[in-house]
Amino acid sequence: MQKKAPAALLMATLIAVFFVHIGLTTTENGTLLVVDNQEIDFLGIVNNKWNRFTRNCNAVSRLSSNEEKYQIAQSLIQNYSPPDSKSAMIASAWSADTWTLVEVEFAGLLPAVVIIQTKENQSFVLANAVWSGYTKPWKSAPFIRKYISSNAHGAPPALISCFEPQSQSFK
């Protein structure tokens, strides 16, 4: 009987230490794991890993600055809300079919992810699908992907799932 007492005491101590250092907090955006008062987006980490494992990016291409779609995107974004948008610096641009997803930083505005659609040779920003701001403590990629997929109806799922933030603002 006495041999069970140390094991029970050890188990109780481990459980107590666990709950003192690890917990959960719920906010309007979801649940975060808290380890020694540091919030960690554990579900975002898992979502990001799963996305990388399951996505197919064959139909998605990363654009370079000399491509027409990139230049159209830059012009649209710079003229979207002048004068502040004139300082737009593209961190990355991705394309699939008639859609372009652009990660952009500004001198005086918060960073943004913009999705552009082209119909009948006319390109336009989907205003209701523009992500702007920081995501901390949330993992940027899954947080932004979820927002854009909820608001950019008709956008190719591969374009959204293959988006990987390149900007320091989202790291």
C-alpha atoms as a PDB file:
ATOM      1  CA  MET A   1       0.000   0.000   0.000  1.00  0.00           C
ATOM      2  CA  GLN A   2       2.836   2.401   0.769  1.00  0.00           C
ATOM      3  CA  LYS A   3       4.394   1.888  -2.704  1.00  0.00           C
ATOM      4  CA  LYS A   4       1.285   3.415  -4.305  1.00  0.00           C
ATOM      5  CA  ALA A   5       1.466   6.608  -2.240  1.00  0.00           C
ATOM      6  CA  PRO A   6       4.666   7.990  -3.908  1.00  0.00           C
ATOM      7  CA  ALA A   7       3.252   7.226  -7.355  1.00  0.00           C
ATOM      8  CA  ALA A   8      -0.011   9.002  -6.523  1.00  0.00           C
ATOM      9  CA  LEU A   9       1.868  11.954  -5.058  1.00  0.00           C
ATOM     10  CA  LEU A  10       4.062  12.148  -8.174  1.00  0.00           C
ATOM     11  CA  MET A  11       0.990  12.046 -10.434  1.00  0.00           C
ATOM     12  CA  ALA A  12      -0.758  14.776  -8.405  1.00  0.00           C
ATOM     13  CA  THR A  13       2.382  16.934  -8.542  1.00  0.00           C
ATOM     14  CA  LEU A  14       2.706  16.495 -12.326  1.00  0.00           C
ATOM     15  CA  ILE A  15      -0.936  17.433 -12.847  1.00  0.00           C
ATOM     16  CA  ALA A  16      -0.576  20.504 -10.608  1.00  0.00           C
ATOM     17  CA  VAL A  17       2.586  21.641 -12.420  1.00  0.00           C
ATOM     18  CA  PHE A  18       0.864  21.101 -15.774  1.00  0.00           C
ATOM     19  CA  PHE A  19      -2.105  23.280 -14.840  1.00  0.00           C
ATOM     20  CA  VAL A  20       0.092  26.002 -13.332  1.00  0.00           C
ATOM     21  CA  HIS A  21       2.121  26.362 -16.553  1.00  0.00           C
ATOM     22  CA  ILE A  22      -0.337  25.380 -19.305  1.00  0.00           C
ATOM     23  CA  GLY A  23      -3.854  26.580 -19.978  1.00  0.00           C
ATOM     24  CA  LEU A  24      -6.309  27.706 -22.619  1.00  0.00           C
ATOM     25  CA  THR A  25      -7.797  31.099 -23.312  1.00  0.00           C
ATOM     26  CA  THR A  26     -10.739  31.834 -25.565  1.00  0.00           C
ATOM     27  CA  THR A  27     -11.086  35.080 -27.499  1.00  0.00           C
ATOM     28  CA  GLU A  28     -13.454  36.279 -30.203  1.00  0.00           C
ATOM     29  CA  ASN A  29     -11.117  34.733 -32.812  1.00  0.00           C
ATOM     30  CA  GLY A  30     -10.812  31.306 -31.186  1.00  0.00           C
ATOM     31  CA  THR A  31      -8.855  29.416 -28.578  1.00  0.00           C
ATOM     32  CA  LEU A  32      -5.175  29.834 -27.788  1.00  0.00           C
ATOM     33  CA  LEU A  33      -2.855  27.573 -25.812  1.00  0.00           C
ATOM     34  CA  VAL A  34      -1.132  29.499 -23.013  1.00  0.00           C
ATOM     35  CA  VAL A  35       2.269  28.251 -21.830  1.00  0.00           C
ATOM     36  CA  ASP A  36       3.839  30.308 -19.034  1.00  0.00           C
ATOM     37  CA  ASN A  37       1.678  33.312 -19.998  1.00  0.00           C
ATOM     38  CA  GLN A  38       2.694  33.123 -23.664  1.00  0.00           C
ATOM     39  CA  GLU A  39      -0.194  32.654 -26.110  1.00  0.00           C
ATOM     40  CA  ILE A  40       0.357  30.043 -28.825  1.00  0.00           C
ATOM     41  CA  ASP A  41      -1.969  29.405 -31.760  1.00  0.00           C
ATOM     42  CA  PHE A  42      -1.700  25.631 -31.540  1.00  0.00           C
ATOM     43  CA  LEU A  43      -4.687  25.063 -33.847  1.00  0.00           C
ATOM     44  CA  GLY A  44      -3.128  27.459 -36.385  1.00  0.00           C
ATOM     45  CA  ILE A  45       0.134  25.524 -36.273  1.00  0.00           C
ATOM     46  CA  VAL A  46      -1.719  22.243 -36.859  1.00  0.00           C
ATOM     47  CA  ASN A  47      -3.833  23.824 -39.628  1.00  0.00           C
ATOM     48  CA  ASN A  48      -0.697  25.151 -41.347  1.00  0.00           C
ATOM     49  CA  LYS A  49       1.039  21.767 -41.232  1.00  0.00           C
ATOM     50  CA  TRP A  50      -2.080  19.982 -42.535  1.00  0.00           C
ATOM     51  CA  ASN A  51      -2.500  22.551 -45.321  1.00  0.00           C
ATOM     52  CA  ARG A  52       1.105  22.073 -46.487  1.00  0.00           C
ATOM     53  CA  PHE A  53       0.657  18.300 -46.430  1.00  0.00           C
ATOM     54  CA  THR A  54      -2.651  18.193 -48.359  1.00  0.00           C
ATOM     55  CA  ARG A  55      -2.592  21.091 -50.822  1.00  0.00           C
ATOM     56  CA  ASN A  56      -1.847  20.849 -54.530  1.00  0.00           C
ATOM     57  CA  CYS A  57      -0.156  23.943 -55.961  1.00  0.00           C
ATOM     58  CA  ASN A  58       0.278  22.751 -59.553  1.00  0.00           C
ATOM     59  CA  ALA A  59      -2.264  25.301 -60.842  1.00  0.00           C
ATOM     60  CA  VAL A  60      -0.764  28.185 -58.829  1.00  0.00           C
ATOM     61  CA  SER A  61       2.216  30.257 -59.878  1.00  0.00           C
ATOM     62  CA  ARG A  62       4.218  32.833 -58.001  1.00  0.00           C
ATOM     63  CA  LEU A  63       4.459  36.024 -60.034  1.00  0.00           C
ATOM     64  CA  SER A  64       7.617  38.026 -60.625  1.00  0.00           C
ATOM     65  CA  SER A  65       7.756  41.794 -61.028  1.00  0.00           C
ATOM     66  CA  ASN A  66       8.218  41.625 -64.800  1.00  0.00           C
ATOM     67  CA  GLU A  67       4.916  39.772 -65.395  1.00  0.00           C
ATOM     68  CA  GLU A  68       1.822  41.635 -66.603  1.00  0.00           C
ATOM     69  CA  LYS A  69      -0.464  40.301 -63.827  1.00  0.00           C
ATOM     70  CA  TYR A  70       2.012  41.537 -61.205  1.00  0.00           C
ATOM     71  CA  GLN A  71       2.175  44.988 -62.781  1.00  0.00           C
ATOM     72  CA  ILE A  72      -1.627  45.200 -63.056  1.00  0.00           C
ATOM     73  CA  ALA A  73      -1.933  44.203 -59.389  1.00  0.00           C
ATOM     74  CA  GLN A  74       0.605  46.814 -58.338  1.00  0.00           C
ATOM     75  CA  SER A  75      -1.204  49.537 -60.270  1.00  0.00           C
ATOM     76  CA  LEU A  76      -4.621  48.545 -58.884  1.00  0.00           C
ATOM     77  CA  ILE A  77      -3.336  48.508 -55.309  1.00  0.00           C
ATOM     78  CA  GLN A  78      -1.426  51.796 -55.621  1.00  0.00           C
ATOM     79  CA  ASN A  79      -4.574  53.478 -56.934  1.00  0.00           C
ATOM     80  CA  TYR A  80      -6.989  51.773 -54.509  1.00  0.00           C
ATOM     81  CA  SER A  81      -6.945  54.370 -51.701  1.00  0.00           C
ATOM     82  CA  PRO A  82      -4.524  57.161 -52.576  1.00  0.00           C
ATOM     83  CA  PRO A  83      -2.462  58.859 -51.392  1.00  0.00           C
ATOM     84  CA  ASP A  84      -1.477  56.248 -48.752  1.00  0.00           C
ATOM     85  CA  SER A  85      -1.754  53.308 -51.158  1.00  0.00           C
ATOM     86  CA  LYS A  86       0.789  54.884 -53.562  1.00  0.00           C
ATOM     87  CA  SER A  87       3.594  53.499 -51.345  1.00  0.00           C
ATOM     88  CA  ALA A  88       2.521  49.882 -51.969  1.00  0.00           C
ATOM     89  CA  MET A  89       5.415  47.420 -51.974  1.00  0.00           C
ATOM     90  CA  ILE A  90       4.480  43.904 -53.059  1.00  0.00           C
ATOM     91  CA  ALA A  91       5.997  41.202 -50.851  1.00  0.00           C
ATOM     92  CA  SER A  92       4.564  38.325 -52.888  1.00  0.00           C
ATOM     93  CA  ALA A  93       2.037  37.732 -55.644  1.00  0.00           C
ATOM     94  CA  TRP A  94       0.386  34.445 -56.590  1.00  0.00           C
ATOM     95  CA  SER A  95      -1.868  33.624 -59.522  1.00  0.00           C
ATOM     96  CA  ALA A  96      -4.321  30.935 -60.591  1.00  0.00           C
ATOM     97  CA  ASP A  97      -6.641  31.253 -63.589  1.00  0.00           C
ATOM     98  CA  THR A  98      -8.093  34.768 -63.611  1.00  0.00           C
ATOM     99  CA  TRP A  99      -7.291  35.421 -59.952  1.00  0.00           C
ATOM    100  CA  THR A 100      -4.297  37.048 -58.268  1.00  0.00           C
ATOM    101  CA  LEU A 101      -3.521  37.110 -54.556  1.00  0.00           C
ATOM    102  CA  VAL A 102      -1.089  39.816 -53.462  1.00  0.00           C
ATOM    103  CA  GLU A 103       0.663  40.400 -50.147  1.00  0.00           C
ATOM    104  CA  VAL A 104       1.559  44.067 -49.818  1.00  0.00           C
ATOM    105  CA  GLU A 105       3.133  46.494 -47.357  1.00  0.00           C
ATOM    106  CA  PHE A 106       2.759  50.268 -47.194  1.00  0.00           C
ATOM    107  CA  ALA A 107       4.731  53.133 -45.685  1.00  0.00           C
ATOM    108  CA  GLY A 108       1.771  54.488 -43.683  1.00  0.00           C
ATOM    109  CA  LEU A 109      -0.858  51.726 -43.755  1.00  0.00           C
ATOM    110  CA  LEU A 110      -1.090  48.302 -42.166  1.00  0.00           C
ATOM    111  CA  PRO A 111       0.077  45.348 -44.288  1.00  0.00           C
ATOM    112  CA  ALA A 112      -2.584  43.775 -46.465  1.00  0.00           C
ATOM    113  CA  VAL A 113      -3.441  40.736 -48.525  1.00  0.00           C
ATOM    114  CA  VAL A 114      -5.488  41.650 -51.581  1.00  0.00           C
ATOM    115  CA  ILE A 115      -7.302  39.388 -54.005  1.00  0.00           C
ATOM    116  CA  ILE A 116      -7.863  40.525 -57.573  1.00  0.00           C
ATOM    117  CA  GLN A 117     -10.205  39.021 -60.130  1.00  0.00           C
ATOM    118  CA  THR A 118     -10.141  39.532 -63.881  1.00  0.00           C
ATOM    119  CA  LYS A 119     -13.371  39.335 -65.877  1.00  0.00           C
ATOM    120  CA  GLU A 120     -13.670  40.236 -69.550  1.00  0.00           C
ATOM    121  CA  ASN A 121     -10.149  41.728 -69.500  1.00  0.00           C
ATOM    122  CA  GLN A 122     -11.046  44.003 -66.558  1.00  0.00           C
ATOM    123  CA  SER A 123      -9.170  43.477 -63.297  1.00  0.00           C
ATOM    124  CA  PHE A 124     -10.544  44.673 -59.975  1.00  0.00           C
ATOM    125  CA  VAL A 125      -9.840  44.339 -56.258  1.00  0.00           C
ATOM    126  CA  LEU A 126     -12.450  42.368 -54.311  1.00  0.00           C
ATOM    127  CA  ALA A 127     -13.013  45.000 -51.629  1.00  0.00           C
ATOM    128  CA  ASN A 128     -14.840  42.664 -49.237  1.00  0.00           C
ATOM    129  CA  ALA A 129     -11.936  40.182 -49.305  1.00  0.00           C
ATOM    130  CA  VAL A 130      -9.040  42.526 -48.474  1.00  0.00           C
ATOM    131  CA  TRP A 131      -7.237  41.450 -45.309  1.00  0.00           C
ATOM    132  CA  SER A 132      -5.518  44.340 -43.563  1.00  0.00           C
ATOM    133  CA  GLY A 133      -3.672  44.332 -40.262  1.00  0.00           C
ATOM    134  CA  TYR A 134      -1.536  42.085 -38.135  1.00  0.00           C
ATOM    135  CA  THR A 135      -2.521  38.621 -36.926  1.00  0.00           C
ATOM    136  CA  LYS A 136      -0.475  38.130 -33.739  1.00  0.00           C
ATOM    137  CA  PRO A 137      -0.814  35.936 -31.699  1.00  0.00           C
ATOM    138  CA  TRP A 138      -2.513  33.936 -34.466  1.00  0.00           C
ATOM    139  CA  LYS A 139      -0.486  32.157 -37.144  1.00  0.00           C
ATOM    140  CA  SER A 140      -0.764  34.445 -40.157  1.00  0.00           C
ATOM    141  CA  ALA A 141      -1.242  32.017 -43.037  1.00  0.00           C
ATOM    142  CA  PRO A 142      -4.222  30.016 -41.707  1.00  0.00           C
ATOM    143  CA  PHE A 143      -5.852  33.137 -40.261  1.00  0.00           C
ATOM    144  CA  ILE A 144      -5.618  35.066 -43.559  1.00  0.00           C
ATOM    145  CA  ARG A 145      -6.529  32.034 -45.689  1.00  0.00           C
ATOM    146  CA  LYS A 146      -9.700  31.522 -43.655  1.00  0.00           C
ATOM    147  CA  TYR A 147     -10.692  35.182 -43.980  1.00  0.00           C
ATOM    148  CA  ILE A 148     -10.098  35.312 -47.734  1.00  0.00           C
ATOM    149  CA  SER A 149     -11.798  31.997 -48.475  1.00  0.00           C
ATOM    150  CA  SER A 150     -14.863  33.221 -46.557  1.00  0.00           C
ATOM    151  CA  ASN A 151     -15.026  36.486 -48.493  1.00  0.00           C
ATOM    152  CA  ALA A 152     -13.632  35.839 -51.979  1.00  0.00           C
ATOM    153  CA  HIS A 153     -16.421  33.702 -53.384  1.00  0.00           C
ATOM    154  CA  GLY A 154     -15.378  31.871 -56.518  1.00  0.00           C
ATOM    155  CA  ALA A 155     -11.640  32.209 -55.919  1.00  0.00           C
ATOM    156  CA  PRO A 156      -9.723  28.997 -56.668  1.00  0.00           C
ATOM    157  CA  PRO A 157      -9.227  27.073 -53.405  1.00  0.00           C
ATOM    158  CA  ALA A 158      -5.695  26.139 -54.519  1.00  0.00           C
ATOM    159  CA  LEU A 159      -4.745  29.824 -54.810  1.00  0.00           C
ATOM    160  CA  ILE A 160      -5.798  30.471 -51.236  1.00  0.00           C
ATOM    161  CA  SER A 161      -4.346  27.294 -49.758  1.00  0.00           C
ATOM    162  CA  CYS A 162      -0.999  27.793 -51.533  1.00  0.00           C
ATOM    163  CA  PHE A 163      -0.564  31.343 -50.230  1.00  0.00           C
ATOM    164  CA  GLU A 164       2.462  31.530 -47.917  1.00  0.00           C
ATOM    165  CA  PRO A 165       3.143  34.940 -46.360  1.00  0.00           C
ATOM    166  CA  GLN A 166       6.576  36.306 -47.263  1.00  0.00           C
ATOM    167  CA  SER A 167       6.379  39.693 -45.553  1.00  0.00           C
ATOM    168  CA  GLN A 168       8.073  40.297 -42.212  1.00  0.00           C
ATOM    169  CA  SER A 169       4.771  41.806 -41.062  1.00  0.00           C
ATOM    170  CA  PHE A 170       3.218  38.337 -40.980  1.00  0.00           C
ATOM    171  CA  LYS A 171       6.132  36.362 -39.530  1.00  0.00           C
END
